[in-house]
Amino acid sequence: MSRKPELRGRAARLARLFPGPGSSGQAARTPFVLLVVLLLGGGLIGLLVLNSALSEGSFKQDDLQRDTKNLTDEEQALQRDIDAYSAPDALQRRARELGMVPGGDPAFLGPDGKVKGVPSAAAEQSAAQIPLVLRPPETVAQSPAGTVRQPPADTVAQAGTPVAVPTPSLTSTPTTTPGR
């Protein structure tokens, strides 16, 4: 039987650092342990990255849901405005503000070309019902001093008489319509 000689001093320290052929079990275990540690560390880092990505997606989803709610509220408010402006009484009020009058009885043409019904003219308006300005108030220009300029009195339309109302500019003075 062969026995290994006992080493002393420096040789013994070197023998402990570099294992010989007899200690191959410990040398084979070291790469396996390193592989397991690397796989566990990589798995933990992967879970951390996945968790962060899911959290970021959740935050984006919350933001998008909040934006959707705000846009839905805005759409409903706009729809309410449209409904209010489309109501028959609102349309009638705005038409009267623009100087429109209800029409008379209509007449219809049949497919054979015959006139059905008897047309009648629109009702006359009194001078008190005629508006002073024939265009919406948003289009009235401001003078340099900041006061609203009204068109001249002779450009106000009488019932059933179309009159062109000049659009005032900031640099010119109001003009009257020709022939009046």
N, C-alpha and C. Protein backbone atom coordinates (compact mmCIF):
# COMPACT_ATOMS: atom_id res chain seq x y z
N MET A 1 0.80 -1.14 0.00
CA MET A 1 0.00 0.00 0.00
C MET A 1 0.86 1.22 0.00
N SER A 2 0.43 2.09 -0.79
CA SER A 2 1.26 3.27 -0.88
C SER A 2 0.64 4.38 -0.07
N ARG A 3 1.44 4.94 0.66
CA ARG A 3 1.01 6.05 1.46
C ARG A 3 1.66 7.30 0.93
N LYS A 4 0.93 8.36 1.09
CA LYS A 4 1.50 9.63 0.64
C LYS A 4 2.42 10.10 1.74
N PRO A 5 3.50 10.64 1.31
CA PRO A 5 4.37 11.20 2.33
C PRO A 5 3.78 12.49 2.88
N GLU A 6 4.00 12.69 4.12
CA GLU A 6 3.51 13.91 4.73
C GLU A 6 4.42 15.06 4.35
N LEU A 7 3.76 16.11 3.91
CA LEU A 7 4.53 17.29 3.50
C LEU A 7 4.55 18.29 4.63
N ARG A 8 5.65 18.98 4.69
CA ARG A 8 5.79 19.98 5.73
C ARG A 8 6.17 21.33 5.12
N GLY A 9 5.79 22.36 5.86
CA GLY A 9 6.21 23.71 5.49
C GLY A 9 5.48 24.23 4.27
N ARG A 10 6.31 24.73 3.40
CA ARG A 10 5.77 25.36 2.22
C ARG A 10 5.07 24.37 1.31
N ALA A 11 5.54 23.24 1.18
CA ALA A 11 4.96 22.22 0.33
C ALA A 11 3.58 21.84 0.83
N ALA A 12 3.38 21.80 2.13
CA ALA A 12 2.07 21.45 2.69
C ALA A 12 1.05 22.55 2.37
N ARG A 13 1.48 23.79 2.45
CA ARG A 13 0.55 24.88 2.12
C ARG A 13 0.17 24.86 0.65
N LEU A 14 1.11 24.58 -0.22
CA LEU A 14 0.81 24.49 -1.65
C LEU A 14 -0.10 23.30 -1.94
N ALA A 15 0.10 22.21 -1.27
CA ALA A 15 -0.72 21.02 -1.48
C ALA A 15 -2.17 21.30 -1.07
N ARG A 16 -2.34 22.11 -0.04
CA ARG A 16 -3.71 22.45 0.35
C ARG A 16 -4.38 23.38 -0.66
N LEU A 17 -3.65 24.28 -1.25
CA LEU A 17 -4.22 25.21 -2.23
C LEU A 17 -4.57 24.50 -3.54
N PHE A 18 -3.75 23.61 -3.99
CA PHE A 18 -3.97 22.89 -5.25
C PHE A 18 -4.22 21.43 -4.92
N PRO A 19 -5.48 21.06 -4.88
CA PRO A 19 -5.73 19.67 -4.52
C PRO A 19 -5.22 18.71 -5.59
N GLY A 20 -4.87 17.61 -5.19
CA GLY A 20 -4.29 16.61 -6.09
C GLY A 20 -5.37 15.72 -6.68
N PRO A 21 -4.94 14.64 -7.34
CA PRO A 21 -5.88 13.76 -8.00
C PRO A 21 -6.79 13.01 -7.02
N GLY A 22 -6.47 12.94 -5.81
CA GLY A 22 -7.28 12.23 -4.85
C GLY A 22 -8.49 13.02 -4.39
N SER A 23 -8.53 14.32 -4.54
CA SER A 23 -9.65 15.15 -4.08
C SER A 23 -10.47 15.69 -5.25
N SER A 24 -10.79 14.90 -6.21
CA SER A 24 -11.52 15.32 -7.41
C SER A 24 -12.99 15.60 -7.12
N GLY A 25 -13.62 15.08 -6.07
CA GLY A 25 -15.01 15.32 -5.73
C GLY A 25 -15.27 16.78 -5.38
N GLN A 26 -14.35 17.39 -4.64
CA GLN A 26 -14.53 18.79 -4.27
C GLN A 26 -14.29 19.70 -5.47
N ALA A 27 -13.39 19.38 -6.34
CA ALA A 27 -13.10 20.18 -7.53
C ALA A 27 -14.29 20.16 -8.49
N ALA A 28 -15.00 19.08 -8.61
CA ALA A 28 -16.15 18.98 -9.51
C ALA A 28 -17.37 19.69 -8.92
N ARG A 29 -17.41 19.82 -7.61
CA ARG A 29 -18.54 20.47 -6.96
C ARG A 29 -18.52 21.99 -7.14
N THR A 30 -17.41 22.60 -7.25
CA THR A 30 -17.29 24.07 -7.32
C THR A 30 -18.00 24.64 -8.56
N PRO A 31 -17.81 24.15 -9.78
CA PRO A 31 -18.54 24.71 -10.93
C PRO A 31 -20.05 24.52 -10.80
N PHE A 32 -20.48 23.39 -10.24
CA PHE A 32 -21.92 23.15 -10.05
C PHE A 32 -22.52 24.17 -9.09
N VAL A 33 -21.84 24.45 -7.99
CA VAL A 33 -22.32 25.43 -7.01
C VAL A 33 -22.38 26.81 -7.66
N LEU A 34 -21.35 27.17 -8.42
CA LEU A 34 -21.35 28.47 -9.11
C LEU A 34 -22.51 28.56 -10.11
N LEU A 35 -22.78 27.48 -10.83
CA LEU A 35 -23.88 27.47 -11.79
C LEU A 35 -25.23 27.66 -11.07
N VAL A 36 -25.41 26.97 -9.96
CA VAL A 36 -26.67 27.10 -9.22
C VAL A 36 -26.83 28.52 -8.68
N VAL A 37 -25.76 29.11 -8.15
CA VAL A 37 -25.82 30.48 -7.63
C VAL A 37 -26.13 31.46 -8.75
N LEU A 38 -25.52 31.29 -9.90
CA LEU A 38 -25.79 32.17 -11.04
C LEU A 38 -27.23 32.02 -11.53
N LEU A 39 -27.74 30.80 -11.59
CA LEU A 39 -29.13 30.61 -12.02
C LEU A 39 -30.11 31.23 -11.03
N LEU A 40 -29.87 31.06 -9.74
CA LEU A 40 -30.75 31.68 -8.75
C LEU A 40 -30.69 33.21 -8.82
N GLY A 41 -29.49 33.76 -8.93
CA GLY A 41 -29.35 35.22 -9.04
C GLY A 41 -30.01 35.75 -10.30
N GLY A 42 -29.84 35.05 -11.43
CA GLY A 42 -30.47 35.46 -12.68
C GLY A 42 -31.99 35.38 -12.58
N GLY A 43 -32.50 34.35 -11.92
CA GLY A 43 -33.93 34.22 -11.73
C GLY A 43 -34.50 35.34 -10.89
N LEU A 44 -33.81 35.70 -9.83
CA LEU A 44 -34.26 36.80 -8.97
C LEU A 44 -34.26 38.13 -9.73
N ILE A 45 -33.21 38.36 -10.50
CA ILE A 45 -33.14 39.60 -11.29
C ILE A 45 -34.25 39.62 -12.34
N GLY A 46 -34.50 38.47 -12.97
CA GLY A 46 -35.59 38.38 -13.96
C GLY A 46 -36.94 38.67 -13.32
N LEU A 47 -37.20 38.13 -12.13
CA LEU A 47 -38.45 38.41 -11.43
C LEU A 47 -38.58 39.89 -11.09
N LEU A 48 -37.48 40.51 -10.68
CA LEU A 48 -37.51 41.93 -10.36
C LEU A 48 -37.85 42.76 -11.61
N VAL A 49 -37.24 42.43 -12.74
CA VAL A 49 -37.52 43.16 -13.99
C VAL A 49 -38.98 42.94 -14.42
N LEU A 50 -39.48 41.70 -14.32
CA LEU A 50 -40.85 41.40 -14.68
C LEU A 50 -41.83 42.14 -13.77
N ASN A 51 -41.57 42.18 -12.48
CA ASN A 51 -42.41 42.89 -11.54
C ASN A 51 -42.44 44.39 -11.84
N SER A 52 -41.30 44.95 -12.18
CA SER A 52 -41.24 46.38 -12.53
C SER A 52 -42.04 46.67 -13.79
N ALA A 53 -41.94 45.79 -14.79
CA ALA A 53 -42.68 46.00 -16.04
C ALA A 53 -44.19 45.92 -15.78
N LEU A 54 -44.61 44.97 -14.94
CA LEU A 54 -46.04 44.86 -14.63
C LEU A 54 -46.53 46.09 -13.87
N SER A 55 -45.73 46.61 -12.97
CA SER A 55 -46.12 47.81 -12.22
C SER A 55 -46.26 49.01 -13.16
N GLU A 56 -45.32 49.14 -14.08
CA GLU A 56 -45.38 50.25 -15.03
C GLU A 56 -46.63 50.14 -15.91
N GLY A 57 -46.96 48.92 -16.35
CA GLY A 57 -48.17 48.72 -17.14
C GLY A 57 -49.42 49.06 -16.35
N SER A 58 -49.42 48.74 -15.07
CA SER A 58 -50.57 49.06 -14.22
C SER A 58 -50.74 50.57 -14.09
N PHE A 59 -49.63 51.29 -13.93
CA PHE A 59 -49.72 52.75 -13.85
C PHE A 59 -50.24 53.35 -15.16
N LYS A 60 -49.76 52.82 -16.29
CA LYS A 60 -50.24 53.32 -17.58
C LYS A 60 -51.73 53.03 -17.74
N GLN A 61 -52.17 51.86 -17.30
CA GLN A 61 -53.59 51.52 -17.40
C GLN A 61 -54.43 52.47 -16.55
N ASP A 62 -53.98 52.79 -15.36
CA ASP A 62 -54.71 53.74 -14.51
C ASP A 62 -54.81 55.11 -15.17
N ASP A 63 -53.69 55.57 -15.76
CA ASP A 63 -53.70 56.87 -16.45
C ASP A 63 -54.68 56.86 -17.63
N LEU A 64 -54.66 55.77 -18.40
CA LEU A 64 -55.56 55.70 -19.55
C LEU A 64 -57.02 55.62 -19.12
N GLN A 65 -57.30 54.91 -18.03
CA GLN A 65 -58.68 54.86 -17.53
C GLN A 65 -59.13 56.23 -17.06
N ARG A 66 -58.25 56.99 -16.41
CA ARG A 66 -58.60 58.34 -15.96
C ARG A 66 -58.85 59.24 -17.17
N ASP A 67 -57.99 59.13 -18.19
CA ASP A 67 -58.19 59.94 -19.40
C ASP A 67 -59.51 59.58 -20.09
N THR A 68 -59.83 58.28 -20.12
CA THR A 68 -61.08 57.84 -20.74
C THR A 68 -62.27 58.41 -19.99
N LYS A 69 -62.21 58.41 -18.67
CA LYS A 69 -63.30 58.95 -17.86
C LYS A 69 -63.46 60.45 -18.12
N ASN A 70 -62.34 61.18 -18.16
CA ASN A 70 -62.41 62.63 -18.41
C ASN A 70 -62.98 62.92 -19.80
N LEU A 71 -62.55 62.16 -20.80
CA LEU A 71 -63.05 62.38 -22.15
C LEU A 71 -64.53 62.01 -22.27
N THR A 72 -64.96 60.98 -21.55
CA THR A 72 -66.37 60.61 -21.55
C THR A 72 -67.21 61.71 -20.90
N ASP A 73 -66.71 62.26 -19.80
CA ASP A 73 -67.43 63.37 -19.16
C ASP A 73 -67.53 64.57 -20.09
N GLU A 74 -66.42 64.88 -20.78
CA GLU A 74 -66.42 66.01 -21.71
C GLU A 74 -67.39 65.77 -22.87
N GLU A 75 -67.41 64.54 -23.38
CA GLU A 75 -68.33 64.20 -24.47
C GLU A 75 -69.78 64.37 -24.02
N GLN A 76 -70.09 63.94 -22.80
CA GLN A 76 -71.45 64.07 -22.30
C GLN A 76 -71.83 65.54 -22.11
N ALA A 77 -70.89 66.36 -21.64
CA ALA A 77 -71.16 67.79 -21.48
C ALA A 77 -71.41 68.44 -22.84
N LEU A 78 -70.61 68.07 -23.84
CA LEU A 78 -70.81 68.62 -25.18
C LEU A 78 -72.14 68.16 -25.77
N GLN A 79 -72.52 66.92 -25.50
CA GLN A 79 -73.80 66.42 -26.00
C GLN A 79 -74.95 67.18 -25.35
N ARG A 80 -74.82 67.49 -24.05
CA ARG A 80 -75.85 68.28 -23.38
C ARG A 80 -75.95 69.68 -24.01
N ASP A 81 -74.79 70.28 -24.34
CA ASP A 81 -74.81 71.59 -25.00
C ASP A 81 -75.51 71.51 -26.36
N ILE A 82 -75.19 70.46 -27.12
CA ILE A 82 -75.81 70.30 -28.43
C ILE A 82 -77.32 70.14 -28.28
N ASP A 83 -77.73 69.33 -27.29
CA ASP A 83 -79.16 69.14 -27.07
C ASP A 83 -79.84 70.45 -26.67
N ALA A 84 -79.15 71.26 -25.86
CA ALA A 84 -79.74 72.54 -25.43
C ALA A 84 -79.86 73.49 -26.61
N TYR A 85 -78.86 73.53 -27.49
CA TYR A 85 -78.93 74.42 -28.66
C TYR A 85 -79.91 73.91 -29.71
N SER A 86 -80.18 72.61 -29.71
CA SER A 86 -81.08 72.03 -30.71
C SER A 86 -82.53 72.01 -30.27
N ALA A 87 -82.80 72.39 -29.04
CA ALA A 87 -84.18 72.39 -28.55
C ALA A 87 -85.01 73.38 -29.36
N PRO A 88 -86.25 73.05 -29.62
CA PRO A 88 -87.09 73.94 -30.45
C PRO A 88 -87.21 75.35 -29.90
N ASP A 89 -87.35 75.50 -28.59
CA ASP A 89 -87.48 76.86 -28.05
C ASP A 89 -86.19 77.65 -28.21
N ALA A 90 -85.03 76.98 -28.09
CA ALA A 90 -83.76 77.68 -28.29
C ALA A 90 -83.58 78.09 -29.75
N LEU A 91 -83.97 77.21 -30.66
CA LEU A 91 -83.89 77.55 -32.08
C LEU A 91 -84.81 78.71 -32.42
N GLN A 92 -86.00 78.69 -31.86
CA GLN A 92 -86.95 79.78 -32.13
C GLN A 92 -86.42 81.11 -31.58
N ARG A 93 -85.86 81.09 -30.39
CA ARG A 93 -85.33 82.31 -29.78
C ARG A 93 -84.19 82.86 -30.63
N ARG A 94 -83.26 81.98 -31.05
CA ARG A 94 -82.13 82.46 -31.85
C ARG A 94 -82.58 82.95 -33.22
N ALA A 95 -83.61 82.33 -33.80
CA ALA A 95 -84.12 82.78 -35.09
C ALA A 95 -84.74 84.17 -34.96
N ARG A 96 -85.47 84.40 -33.88
CA ARG A 96 -86.06 85.73 -33.66
C ARG A 96 -84.97 86.77 -33.44
N GLU A 97 -83.88 86.40 -32.74
CA GLU A 97 -82.77 87.33 -32.54
C GLU A 97 -82.12 87.72 -33.86
N LEU A 98 -82.16 86.81 -34.82
CA LEU A 98 -81.59 87.08 -36.13
C LEU A 98 -82.57 87.77 -37.08
N GLY A 99 -83.78 88.03 -36.61
CA GLY A 99 -84.76 88.74 -37.42
C GLY A 99 -85.61 87.83 -38.29
N MET A 100 -85.59 86.56 -38.07
CA MET A 100 -86.40 85.63 -38.85
C MET A 100 -87.83 85.64 -38.31
N VAL A 101 -88.77 85.37 -39.20
CA VAL A 101 -90.18 85.31 -38.82
C VAL A 101 -90.72 83.96 -39.26
N PRO A 102 -91.76 83.48 -38.61
CA PRO A 102 -92.36 82.20 -39.04
C PRO A 102 -92.93 82.34 -40.44
N GLY A 103 -92.75 81.32 -41.23
CA GLY A 103 -93.25 81.34 -42.61
C GLY A 103 -94.74 81.14 -42.66
N GLY A 104 -95.31 81.45 -43.80
CA GLY A 104 -96.75 81.27 -44.01
C GLY A 104 -97.05 79.83 -44.37
N ASP A 105 -98.26 79.63 -44.90
CA ASP A 105 -98.66 78.29 -45.32
C ASP A 105 -97.88 77.92 -46.57
N PRO A 106 -97.34 76.70 -46.61
CA PRO A 106 -96.57 76.30 -47.80
C PRO A 106 -97.47 75.72 -48.88
N ALA A 107 -96.94 75.65 -50.06
CA ALA A 107 -97.60 74.99 -51.18
C ALA A 107 -96.67 73.89 -51.65
N PHE A 108 -97.23 72.79 -52.16
CA PHE A 108 -96.44 71.64 -52.56
C PHE A 108 -96.70 71.32 -54.01
N LEU A 109 -95.69 70.81 -54.69
CA LEU A 109 -95.85 70.36 -56.07
C LEU A 109 -96.01 68.85 -56.04
N GLY A 110 -97.02 68.36 -56.72
CA GLY A 110 -97.23 66.92 -56.81
C GLY A 110 -96.37 66.34 -57.91
N PRO A 111 -96.30 65.01 -58.00
CA PRO A 111 -95.49 64.37 -59.05
C PRO A 111 -95.98 64.68 -60.46
N ASP A 112 -97.26 65.05 -60.55
CA ASP A 112 -97.80 65.39 -61.87
C ASP A 112 -97.61 66.86 -62.22
N GLY A 113 -97.00 67.64 -61.31
CA GLY A 113 -96.74 69.04 -61.57
C GLY A 113 -97.81 69.97 -61.08
N LYS A 114 -98.87 69.48 -60.46
CA LYS A 114 -99.94 70.33 -59.96
C LYS A 114 -99.55 70.88 -58.59
N VAL A 115 -99.98 72.10 -58.33
CA VAL A 115 -99.72 72.77 -57.06
C VAL A 115 -100.79 72.36 -56.06
N LYS A 116 -100.37 71.89 -54.91
CA LYS A 116 -101.31 71.50 -53.87
C LYS A 116 -101.18 72.48 -52.72
N GLY A 117 -102.27 73.05 -52.29
CA GLY A 117 -102.26 74.02 -51.21
C GLY A 117 -102.21 75.43 -51.75
N VAL A 118 -102.48 76.40 -50.87
CA VAL A 118 -102.46 77.80 -51.24
C VAL A 118 -101.37 78.47 -50.42
N PRO A 119 -100.32 78.97 -51.07
CA PRO A 119 -99.24 79.60 -50.30
C PRO A 119 -99.68 80.95 -49.75
N SER A 120 -99.13 81.31 -48.59
CA SER A 120 -99.42 82.63 -48.03
C SER A 120 -98.10 83.25 -47.58
N ALA A 121 -98.10 84.58 -47.49
CA ALA A 121 -96.89 85.30 -47.09
C ALA A 121 -96.66 85.17 -45.60
N ALA A 122 -95.45 85.42 -45.18
CA ALA A 122 -95.11 85.41 -43.76
C ALA A 122 -95.79 86.58 -43.08
N ALA A 123 -96.02 86.43 -41.78
CA ALA A 123 -96.68 87.48 -41.01
C ALA A 123 -95.77 88.69 -40.91
N GLU A 124 -96.37 89.87 -40.98
CA GLU A 124 -95.61 91.11 -40.85
C GLU A 124 -95.18 91.30 -39.41
N GLN A 125 -93.99 91.85 -39.21
CA GLN A 125 -93.53 92.16 -37.86
C GLN A 125 -93.66 93.64 -37.62
N SER A 126 -93.91 93.96 -36.38
CA SER A 126 -93.94 95.39 -36.04
C SER A 126 -92.52 95.88 -35.88
N ALA A 127 -92.33 97.19 -35.90
CA ALA A 127 -90.98 97.77 -35.78
C ALA A 127 -90.37 97.47 -34.43
N ALA A 128 -91.17 97.24 -33.41
CA ALA A 128 -90.63 96.93 -32.08
C ALA A 128 -90.03 95.53 -32.03
N GLN A 129 -90.46 94.63 -32.92
CA GLN A 129 -89.95 93.28 -32.91
C GLN A 129 -88.70 93.11 -33.76
N ILE A 130 -88.37 94.11 -34.57
CA ILE A 130 -87.22 93.99 -35.47
C ILE A 130 -85.94 94.26 -34.69
N PRO A 131 -84.97 93.37 -34.76
CA PRO A 131 -83.72 93.60 -34.03
C PRO A 131 -82.89 94.70 -34.69
N LEU A 132 -82.05 95.34 -33.91
CA LEU A 132 -81.21 96.42 -34.42
C LEU A 132 -80.05 95.89 -35.24
N VAL A 133 -79.53 94.74 -34.91
CA VAL A 133 -78.38 94.17 -35.61
C VAL A 133 -78.83 92.86 -36.23
N LEU A 134 -78.51 92.64 -37.49
CA LEU A 134 -78.94 91.45 -38.19
C LEU A 134 -77.91 90.34 -38.18
N ARG A 135 -76.92 90.42 -37.37
CA ARG A 135 -75.90 89.36 -37.30
C ARG A 135 -75.64 89.05 -35.83
N PRO A 136 -75.05 87.89 -35.56
CA PRO A 136 -74.80 87.51 -34.17
C PRO A 136 -73.90 88.51 -33.48
N PRO A 137 -74.05 88.70 -32.17
CA PRO A 137 -73.26 89.71 -31.47
C PRO A 137 -71.77 89.42 -31.46
N GLU A 138 -71.35 88.15 -31.67
CA GLU A 138 -69.91 87.88 -31.67
C GLU A 138 -69.20 88.51 -32.85
N THR A 139 -69.92 88.81 -33.93
CA THR A 139 -69.28 89.36 -35.12
C THR A 139 -69.24 90.88 -35.13
N VAL A 140 -69.81 91.53 -34.14
CA VAL A 140 -69.78 92.99 -34.08
C VAL A 140 -68.36 93.41 -33.73
N ALA A 141 -67.77 94.28 -34.55
CA ALA A 141 -66.37 94.67 -34.35
C ALA A 141 -66.25 95.68 -33.22
N GLN A 142 -65.08 95.71 -32.62
CA GLN A 142 -64.78 96.67 -31.57
C GLN A 142 -64.07 97.87 -32.20
N SER A 143 -64.42 99.06 -31.77
CA SER A 143 -63.73 100.24 -32.25
C SER A 143 -62.42 100.36 -31.47
N PRO A 144 -61.47 101.19 -31.93
CA PRO A 144 -60.20 101.33 -31.22
C PRO A 144 -60.38 101.78 -29.77
N ALA A 145 -61.43 102.51 -29.46
CA ALA A 145 -61.64 102.96 -28.09
C ALA A 145 -62.24 101.86 -27.23
N GLY A 146 -62.61 100.72 -27.83
CA GLY A 146 -63.15 99.60 -27.08
C GLY A 146 -64.65 99.58 -27.00
N THR A 147 -65.34 100.50 -27.70
CA THR A 147 -66.80 100.50 -27.65
C THR A 147 -67.33 99.76 -28.86
N VAL A 148 -68.48 99.16 -28.73
CA VAL A 148 -69.09 98.43 -29.83
C VAL A 148 -69.74 99.41 -30.79
N ARG A 149 -69.45 99.26 -32.07
CA ARG A 149 -70.04 100.13 -33.08
C ARG A 149 -71.25 99.44 -33.67
N GLN A 150 -72.34 100.15 -33.77
CA GLN A 150 -73.57 99.65 -34.36
C GLN A 150 -73.63 100.12 -35.81
N PRO A 151 -74.29 99.36 -36.67
CA PRO A 151 -74.44 99.83 -38.05
C PRO A 151 -75.36 101.04 -38.07
N PRO A 152 -75.26 101.85 -39.09
CA PRO A 152 -76.12 103.02 -39.20
C PRO A 152 -77.58 102.61 -39.21
N ALA A 153 -78.45 103.56 -38.81
CA ALA A 153 -79.87 103.28 -38.67
C ALA A 153 -80.51 102.92 -40.00
N ASP A 154 -79.97 103.42 -41.12
CA ASP A 154 -80.61 103.15 -42.39
C ASP A 154 -80.26 101.75 -42.93
N THR A 155 -79.41 100.99 -42.22
CA THR A 155 -79.11 99.63 -42.66
C THR A 155 -79.94 98.60 -41.94
N VAL A 156 -80.81 99.04 -41.02
CA VAL A 156 -81.68 98.11 -40.32
C VAL A 156 -82.81 97.72 -41.26
N ALA A 157 -83.08 96.42 -41.33
CA ALA A 157 -84.06 95.93 -42.30
C ALA A 157 -85.48 96.08 -41.77
N GLN A 158 -86.37 96.39 -42.68
CA GLN A 158 -87.79 96.35 -42.37
C GLN A 158 -88.27 94.93 -42.70
N ALA A 159 -89.41 94.56 -42.15
CA ALA A 159 -89.92 93.21 -42.34
C ALA A 159 -90.09 92.91 -43.81
N GLY A 160 -89.45 91.83 -44.29
CA GLY A 160 -89.59 91.42 -45.67
C GLY A 160 -88.70 92.17 -46.64
N THR A 161 -87.90 93.15 -46.20
CA THR A 161 -87.02 93.91 -47.09
C THR A 161 -85.58 93.51 -46.82
N PRO A 162 -84.94 92.81 -47.76
CA PRO A 162 -83.55 92.43 -47.52
C PRO A 162 -82.63 93.65 -47.67
N VAL A 163 -81.73 93.83 -46.74
CA VAL A 163 -80.79 94.94 -46.77
C VAL A 163 -79.41 94.39 -46.44
N ALA A 164 -78.41 94.81 -47.17
CA ALA A 164 -77.04 94.39 -46.89
C ALA A 164 -76.50 95.24 -45.75
N VAL A 165 -75.97 94.58 -44.72
CA VAL A 165 -75.39 95.29 -43.59
C VAL A 165 -73.88 95.21 -43.76
N PRO A 166 -73.19 96.36 -43.87
CA PRO A 166 -71.73 96.30 -44.04
C PRO A 166 -71.08 95.81 -42.76
N THR A 167 -69.99 95.08 -42.94
CA THR A 167 -69.21 94.63 -41.80
C THR A 167 -68.21 95.71 -41.46
N PRO A 168 -68.29 96.31 -40.28
CA PRO A 168 -67.36 97.39 -39.94
C PRO A 168 -65.96 96.83 -39.71
N SER A 169 -64.98 97.60 -40.11
CA SER A 169 -63.59 97.23 -39.82
C SER A 169 -63.05 98.20 -38.79
N LEU A 170 -61.90 97.89 -38.24
CA LEU A 170 -61.34 98.72 -37.19
C LEU A 170 -60.77 100.04 -37.72
N THR A 171 -60.46 100.09 -39.01
CA THR A 171 -59.82 101.29 -39.54
C THR A 171 -60.76 102.18 -40.34
N SER A 172 -61.91 101.65 -40.72
CA SER A 172 -62.79 102.48 -41.55
C SER A 172 -64.03 102.86 -40.73
N THR A 173 -64.71 103.86 -41.22
CA THR A 173 -65.95 104.29 -40.58
C THR A 173 -67.09 103.53 -41.20
N PRO A 174 -68.18 103.35 -40.49
CA PRO A 174 -69.32 102.63 -41.07
C PRO A 174 -69.87 103.36 -42.26
N THR A 175 -70.28 102.57 -43.26
CA THR A 175 -70.83 103.16 -44.48
C THR A 175 -72.28 102.78 -44.59
N THR A 176 -73.00 103.54 -45.39
CA THR A 176 -74.41 103.25 -45.62
C THR A 176 -74.53 102.49 -46.92
N THR A 177 -75.65 101.82 -47.09
CA THR A 177 -75.86 101.09 -48.34
C THR A 177 -76.25 102.08 -49.42
N PRO A 178 -75.84 101.82 -50.65
CA PRO A 178 -76.15 102.74 -51.74
C PRO A 178 -77.65 102.80 -52.02
N GLY A 179 -78.13 103.95 -52.39
CA GLY A 179 -79.51 104.16 -52.79
C GLY A 179 -80.47 104.32 -51.63
N ARG A 180 -80.02 104.58 -50.47
CA ARG A 180 -80.93 104.71 -49.33
C ARG A 180 -80.89 106.09 -48.77
